[in-house]
C-alpha atoms as a PDB file:
ATOM      1  CA  MET A   1       0.000   0.000   0.000  1.00  0.00           C
ATOM      2  CA  ALA A   2       2.858   2.409   0.835  1.00  0.00           C
ATOM      3  CA  THR A   3       4.507   1.891  -2.558  1.00  0.00           C
ATOM      4  CA  ARG A   4       1.227   2.614  -4.325  1.00  0.00           C
ATOM      5  CA  ARG A   5       0.824   5.877  -2.369  1.00  0.00           C
ATOM      6  CA  THR A   6       4.409   6.847  -3.142  1.00  0.00           C
ATOM      7  CA  TRP A   7       3.819   6.130  -6.826  1.00  0.00           C
ATOM      8  CA  LEU A   8       0.587   8.179  -6.856  1.00  0.00           C
ATOM      9  CA  ARG A   9       2.286  11.079  -5.054  1.00  0.00           C
ATOM     10  CA  GLY A  10       5.091  11.041  -7.620  1.00  0.00           C
ATOM     11  CA  LEU A  11       2.556  10.992 -10.451  1.00  0.00           C
ATOM     12  CA  LEU A  12       0.648  13.898  -8.896  1.00  0.00           C
ATOM     13  CA  ALA A  13       3.864  15.895  -8.362  1.00  0.00           C
ATOM     14  CA  GLY A  14       4.941  15.264 -11.962  1.00  0.00           C
ATOM     15  CA  GLY A  15       1.536  16.367 -13.233  1.00  0.00           C
ATOM     16  CA  LEU A  16       1.677  19.563 -11.195  1.00  0.00           C
ATOM     17  CA  ALA A  17       5.199  20.308 -12.440  1.00  0.00           C
ATOM     18  CA  ALA A  18       4.109  19.753 -16.058  1.00  0.00           C
ATOM     19  CA  ALA A  19       1.104  22.033 -15.550  1.00  0.00           C
ATOM     20  CA  ALA A  20       3.348  24.766 -14.111  1.00  0.00           C
ATOM     21  CA  LEU A  21       5.862  24.746 -17.012  1.00  0.00           C
ATOM     22  CA  PRO A  22       3.827  26.906 -19.429  1.00  0.00           C
ATOM     23  CA  GLY A  23       3.332  29.461 -16.658  1.00  0.00           C
ATOM     24  CA  CYS A  24       7.077  29.947 -16.271  1.00  0.00           C
ATOM     25  CA  GLY A  25       7.585  30.655 -19.986  1.00  0.00           C
ATOM     26  CA  PHE A  26       8.860  27.211 -20.963  1.00  0.00           C
ATOM     27  CA  ARG A  27       8.378  26.458 -24.643  1.00  0.00           C
ATOM     28  CA  LEU A  28       9.788  23.738 -26.860  1.00  0.00           C
ATOM     29  CA  ARG A  29      12.525  25.079 -29.113  1.00  0.00           C
ATOM     30  CA  GLY A  30      11.334  25.933 -32.600  1.00  0.00           C
ATOM     31  CA  ALA A  31       7.720  25.283 -31.792  1.00  0.00           C
ATOM     32  CA  ASP A  32       4.934  27.562 -32.929  1.00  0.00           C
ATOM     33  CA  LEU A  33       6.783  30.406 -34.674  1.00  0.00           C
ATOM     34  CA  ARG A  34       4.392  32.992 -36.075  1.00  0.00           C
ATOM     35  CA  PHE A  35       5.387  35.495 -38.712  1.00  0.00           C
ATOM     36  CA  ALA A  36       3.991  38.984 -39.327  1.00  0.00           C
ATOM     37  CA  PHE A  37       4.173  38.352 -43.082  1.00  0.00           C
ATOM     38  CA  SER A  38       2.565  35.737 -45.286  1.00  0.00           C
ATOM     39  CA  THR A  39       4.774  36.130 -48.378  1.00  0.00           C
ATOM     40  CA  LEU A  40       8.555  36.398 -48.520  1.00  0.00           C
ATOM     41  CA  ARG A  41      10.762  36.962 -51.557  1.00  0.00           C
ATOM     42  CA  LEU A  42      14.105  35.197 -51.233  1.00  0.00           C
ATOM     43  CA  GLN A  43      17.010  36.871 -53.046  1.00  0.00           C
ATOM     44  CA  ALA A  44      20.178  34.797 -52.903  1.00  0.00           C
ATOM     45  CA  PRO A  45      23.245  34.484 -55.137  1.00  0.00           C
ATOM     46  CA  GLY A  46      22.787  30.710 -55.309  1.00  0.00           C
ATOM     47  CA  ASP A  47      21.119  27.801 -53.599  1.00  0.00           C
ATOM     48  CA  SER A  48      22.517  25.980 -50.588  1.00  0.00           C
ATOM     49  CA  ASP A  49      21.452  23.524 -47.920  1.00  0.00           C
ATOM     50  CA  VAL A  50      20.744  26.447 -45.544  1.00  0.00           C
ATOM     51  CA  LEU A  51      18.417  28.097 -48.053  1.00  0.00           C
ATOM     52  CA  GLN A  52      16.662  24.816 -48.835  1.00  0.00           C
ATOM     53  CA  SER A  53      16.090  24.170 -45.141  1.00  0.00           C
ATOM     54  CA  LEU A  54      14.945  27.757 -44.542  1.00  0.00           C
ATOM     55  CA  ARG A  55      12.532  27.541 -47.473  1.00  0.00           C
ATOM     56  CA  ALA A  56      11.069  24.286 -46.146  1.00  0.00           C
ATOM     57  CA  GLN A  57      10.682  25.652 -42.596  1.00  0.00           C
ATOM     58  CA  LEU A  58       8.979  28.836 -43.799  1.00  0.00           C
ATOM     59  CA  GLN A  59       6.598  26.918 -46.058  1.00  0.00           C
ATOM     60  CA  ALA A  60       5.768  24.544 -43.194  1.00  0.00           C
ATOM     61  CA  ALA A  61       4.853  27.620 -41.119  1.00  0.00           C
ATOM     62  CA  GLY A  62       2.464  28.800 -43.854  1.00  0.00           C
ATOM     63  CA  VAL A  63       4.680  31.455 -45.468  1.00  0.00           C
ATOM     64  CA  THR A  64       4.718  31.608 -49.275  1.00  0.00           C
ATOM     65  CA  VAL A  65       8.317  31.827 -50.507  1.00  0.00           C
ATOM     66  CA  LEU A  66       8.849  33.549 -53.852  1.00  0.00           C
ATOM     67  CA  GLU A  67      12.154  33.133 -55.647  1.00  0.00           C
ATOM     68  CA  ALA A  68      14.254  36.038 -56.934  1.00  0.00           C
ATOM     69  CA  GLY A  69      13.930  34.765 -60.507  1.00  0.00           C
ATOM     70  CA  GLY A  70      10.159  35.202 -60.378  1.00  0.00           C
ATOM     71  CA  PRO A  71       8.194  38.372 -61.048  1.00  0.00           C
ATOM     72  CA  PRO A  72       9.765  41.561 -59.653  1.00  0.00           C
ATOM     73  CA  PRO A  73       8.493  42.858 -56.309  1.00  0.00           C
ATOM     74  CA  VAL A  74       5.460  45.085 -56.641  1.00  0.00           C
ATOM     75  CA  PRO A  75       5.567  48.463 -54.848  1.00  0.00           C
ATOM     76  CA  ALA A  76       3.502  48.669 -51.659  1.00  0.00           C
ATOM     77  CA  ALA A  77       1.114  51.155 -53.308  1.00  0.00           C
ATOM     78  CA  ALA A  78      -0.141  48.598 -55.838  1.00  0.00           C
ATOM     79  CA  PRO A  79       0.046  45.118 -54.343  1.00  0.00           C
ATOM     80  CA  SER A  80      -1.050  42.148 -56.375  1.00  0.00           C
ATOM     81  CA  PRO A  81      -1.758  39.025 -54.327  1.00  0.00           C
ATOM     82  CA  ALA A  82      -0.124  36.732 -56.889  1.00  0.00           C
ATOM     83  CA  THR A  83       3.222  38.506 -57.164  1.00  0.00           C
ATOM     84  CA  ALA A  84       3.602  40.871 -54.195  1.00  0.00           C
ATOM     85  CA  ALA A  85       5.887  39.955 -51.332  1.00  0.00           C
ATOM     86  CA  ASP A  86       5.333  41.348 -47.855  1.00  0.00           C
ATOM     87  CA  VAL A  87       9.085  41.269 -47.169  1.00  0.00           C
ATOM     88  CA  ILE A  88      12.294  40.619 -49.093  1.00  0.00           C
ATOM     89  CA  LEU A  89      15.005  38.479 -47.522  1.00  0.00           C
ATOM     90  CA  GLN A  90      18.307  39.232 -49.195  1.00  0.00           C
ATOM     91  CA  VAL A  91      21.078  36.725 -48.561  1.00  0.00           C
ATOM     92  CA  LEU A  92      24.326  38.626 -48.895  1.00  0.00           C
ATOM     93  CA  GLN A  93      26.704  35.767 -48.087  1.00  0.00           C
ATOM     94  CA  ASP A  94      26.304  32.043 -47.482  1.00  0.00           C
ATOM     95  CA  GLN A  95      29.668  30.432 -46.868  1.00  0.00           C
ATOM     96  CA  ARG A  96      31.177  27.234 -45.489  1.00  0.00           C
ATOM     97  CA  GLU A  97      34.751  27.427 -44.225  1.00  0.00           C
ATOM     98  CA  ARG A  98      37.271  24.747 -43.295  1.00  0.00           C
ATOM     99  CA  VAL A  99      40.414  26.237 -41.770  1.00  0.00           C
ATOM    100  CA  VAL A 100      43.487  24.474 -40.391  1.00  0.00           C
ATOM    101  CA  VAL A 101      44.165  25.781 -36.874  1.00  0.00           C
ATOM    102  CA  GLY A 102      46.658  23.228 -35.577  1.00  0.00           C
ATOM    103  CA  THR A 103      49.540  21.277 -37.097  1.00  0.00           C
ATOM    104  CA  THR A 104      52.290  18.998 -35.836  1.00  0.00           C
ATOM    105  CA  ALA A 105      55.999  19.782 -36.077  1.00  0.00           C
ATOM    106  CA  ALA A 106      56.041  17.664 -39.240  1.00  0.00           C
ATOM    107  CA  GLY A 107      53.330  19.831 -40.807  1.00  0.00           C
ATOM    108  CA  GLN A 108      50.485  17.326 -40.465  1.00  0.00           C
ATOM    109  CA  VAL A 109      47.031  18.712 -39.781  1.00  0.00           C
ATOM    110  CA  ARG A 110      45.816  18.032 -36.228  1.00  0.00           C
ATOM    111  CA  GLU A 111      42.905  20.430 -35.749  1.00  0.00           C
ATOM    112  CA  LEU A 112      40.385  22.129 -38.013  1.00  0.00           C
ATOM    113  CA  ALA A 113      37.927  24.958 -37.453  1.00  0.00           C
ATOM    114  CA  LEU A 114      34.649  24.525 -39.324  1.00  0.00           C
ATOM    115  CA  ARG A 115      32.572  27.655 -39.835  1.00  0.00           C
ATOM    116  CA  ARG A 116      29.199  28.388 -41.346  1.00  0.00           C
ATOM    117  CA  ARG A 117      28.542  32.060 -42.070  1.00  0.00           C
ATOM    118  CA  LEU A 118      25.281  33.628 -43.276  1.00  0.00           C
ATOM    119  CA  ARG A 119      24.841  37.375 -43.866  1.00  0.00           C
ATOM    120  CA  PHE A 120      21.356  38.631 -44.614  1.00  0.00           C
ATOM    121  CA  ALA A 121      19.110  41.680 -44.577  1.00  0.00           C
ATOM    122  CA  LEU A 122      15.325  41.983 -44.482  1.00  0.00           C
ATOM    123  CA  ARG A 123      13.387  44.848 -46.022  1.00  0.00           C
ATOM    124  CA  THR A 124       9.971  45.726 -47.341  1.00  0.00           C
ATOM    125  CA  PRO A 125       9.340  45.977 -51.108  1.00  0.00           C
ATOM    126  CA  SER A 126       9.295  49.777 -50.721  1.00  0.00           C
ATOM    127  CA  GLY A 127      12.873  49.629 -49.354  1.00  0.00           C
ATOM    128  CA  ARG A 128      12.252  50.112 -45.618  1.00  0.00           C
ATOM    129  CA  GLU A 129      14.893  48.179 -43.685  1.00  0.00           C
ATOM    130  CA  LEU A 130      13.416  45.773 -41.121  1.00  0.00           C
ATOM    131  CA  ILE A 131      16.641  43.941 -40.228  1.00  0.00           C
ATOM    132  CA  PRO A 132      19.920  45.585 -41.253  1.00  0.00           C
ATOM    133  CA  ALA A 133      22.749  43.497 -42.694  1.00  0.00           C
ATOM    134  CA  THR A 134      23.361  40.869 -40.017  1.00  0.00           C
ATOM    135  CA  GLU A 135      25.823  38.006 -39.824  1.00  0.00           C
ATOM    136  CA  LEU A 136      25.063  34.658 -38.219  1.00  0.00           C
ATOM    137  CA  LEU A 137      28.140  32.564 -37.507  1.00  0.00           C
ATOM    138  CA  GLN A 138      28.473  29.031 -36.215  1.00  0.00           C
ATOM    139  CA  GLU A 139      31.878  27.505 -35.480  1.00  0.00           C
ATOM    140  CA  ARG A 140      32.956  24.022 -34.451  1.00  0.00           C
ATOM    141  CA  GLU A 141      36.389  22.543 -33.812  1.00  0.00           C
ATOM    142  CA  LEU A 142      37.381  19.164 -35.177  1.00  0.00           C
ATOM    143  CA  SER A 143      40.450  17.145 -34.282  1.00  0.00           C
ATOM    144  CA  PHE A 144      41.964  15.462 -37.320  1.00  0.00           C
ATOM    145  CA  SER A 145      43.986  12.339 -37.949  1.00  0.00           C
ATOM    146  CA  GLU A 146      45.100  10.895 -41.269  1.00  0.00           C
ATOM    147  CA  THR A 147      44.576   7.375 -39.939  1.00  0.00           C
ATOM    148  CA  VAL A 148      40.799   7.811 -39.625  1.00  0.00           C
ATOM    149  CA  VAL A 149      40.043  10.083 -42.567  1.00  0.00           C
ATOM    150  CA  LEU A 150      36.692   8.492 -43.459  1.00  0.00           C
ATOM    151  CA  GLY A 151      35.410   8.783 -39.904  1.00  0.00           C
ATOM    152  CA  LYS A 152      36.540  12.397 -39.695  1.00  0.00           C
ATOM    153  CA  GLU A 153      34.811  13.197 -43.008  1.00  0.00           C
ATOM    154  CA  ALA A 154      31.570  11.786 -41.606  1.00  0.00           C
ATOM    155  CA  GLU A 155      32.037  13.761 -38.380  1.00  0.00           C
ATOM    156  CA  GLU A 156      32.704  16.923 -40.409  1.00  0.00           C
ATOM    157  CA  ALA A 157      29.492  16.389 -42.390  1.00  0.00           C
ATOM    158  CA  LEU A 158      27.521  15.964 -39.151  1.00  0.00           C
ATOM    159  CA  LEU A 159      29.035  19.134 -37.688  1.00  0.00           C
ATOM    160  CA  PHE A 160      28.173  21.142 -40.814  1.00  0.00           C
ATOM    161  CA  ASP A 161      24.626  19.734 -40.658  1.00  0.00           C
ATOM    162  CA  ASP A 162      24.362  20.797 -37.006  1.00  0.00           C
ATOM    163  CA  MET A 163      25.597  24.295 -37.879  1.00  0.00           C
ATOM    164  CA  ARG A 164      23.050  24.530 -40.718  1.00  0.00           C
ATOM    165  CA  THR A 165      20.243  23.621 -38.337  1.00  0.00           C
ATOM    166  CA  ALA A 166      21.415  26.175 -35.764  1.00  0.00           C
ATOM    167  CA  ILE A 167      21.693  28.985 -38.330  1.00  0.00           C
ATOM    168  CA  VAL A 168      18.250  28.282 -39.778  1.00  0.00           C
ATOM    169  CA  ARG A 169      16.776  28.234 -36.266  1.00  0.00           C
ATOM    170  CA  GLN A 170      18.433  31.584 -35.416  1.00  0.00           C
ATOM    171  CA  LEU A 171      17.229  33.121 -38.669  1.00  0.00           C
ATOM    172  CA  LEU A 172      13.656  31.912 -38.133  1.00  0.00           C
ATOM    173  CA  VAL A 173      13.576  33.375 -34.625  1.00  0.00           C
ATOM    174  CA  ARG A 174      14.788  36.733 -35.966  1.00  0.00           C
ATOM    175  CA  LEU A 175      12.214  36.671 -38.753  1.00  0.00           C
ATOM    176  CA  ALA A 176       9.449  35.814 -36.279  1.00  0.00           C
ATOM    177  CA  ALA A 177      10.429  38.838 -34.155  1.00  0.00           C
ATOM    178  CA  VAL A 178       9.841  41.257 -37.053  1.00  0.00           C
ATOM    179  CA  ARG A 179       6.717  43.413 -36.823  1.00  0.00           C
ATOM    180  CA  LEU A 180       5.356  45.050 -39.958  1.00  0.00           C
ATOM    181  CA  PRO A 181       3.902  48.554 -39.761  1.00  0.00           C
END
């Protein structure tokens, strides 16, 4: 009987703690982002895994993503629902870097720095700047050994994937914070 009471008390305490979490501001990461715009024009010099992921996340949140190669943005005075974008996201730089930061006395690579850099700006079609040119940077260190090259290549790919996810998450949070006039 005592173990059943202890179990029920633990269940009750867990239920109360779970009910109190929303009151303290707890929220699952990346959940329920709402945007002040419904259409975004994406202007980028090329396509990358970051842009593909960003496009997919925005579309999943209900935002229509127009590509730069499509019709030109319509001025705010004469919006057309088919071609007008509420905001324009301009990707200024999307770069992956792999830099040697440590070598042995014999000149063999021992440590690498992996970086993912994204510079962007957000503006309205009329040219009003909502987010000035901003740089998001993720960096990871990777030890390196020539004896396990294949394993290190796989680890490098996983680290770049993690950095892509982090940059897209940061960008989405910044876009969700934008308020249109």
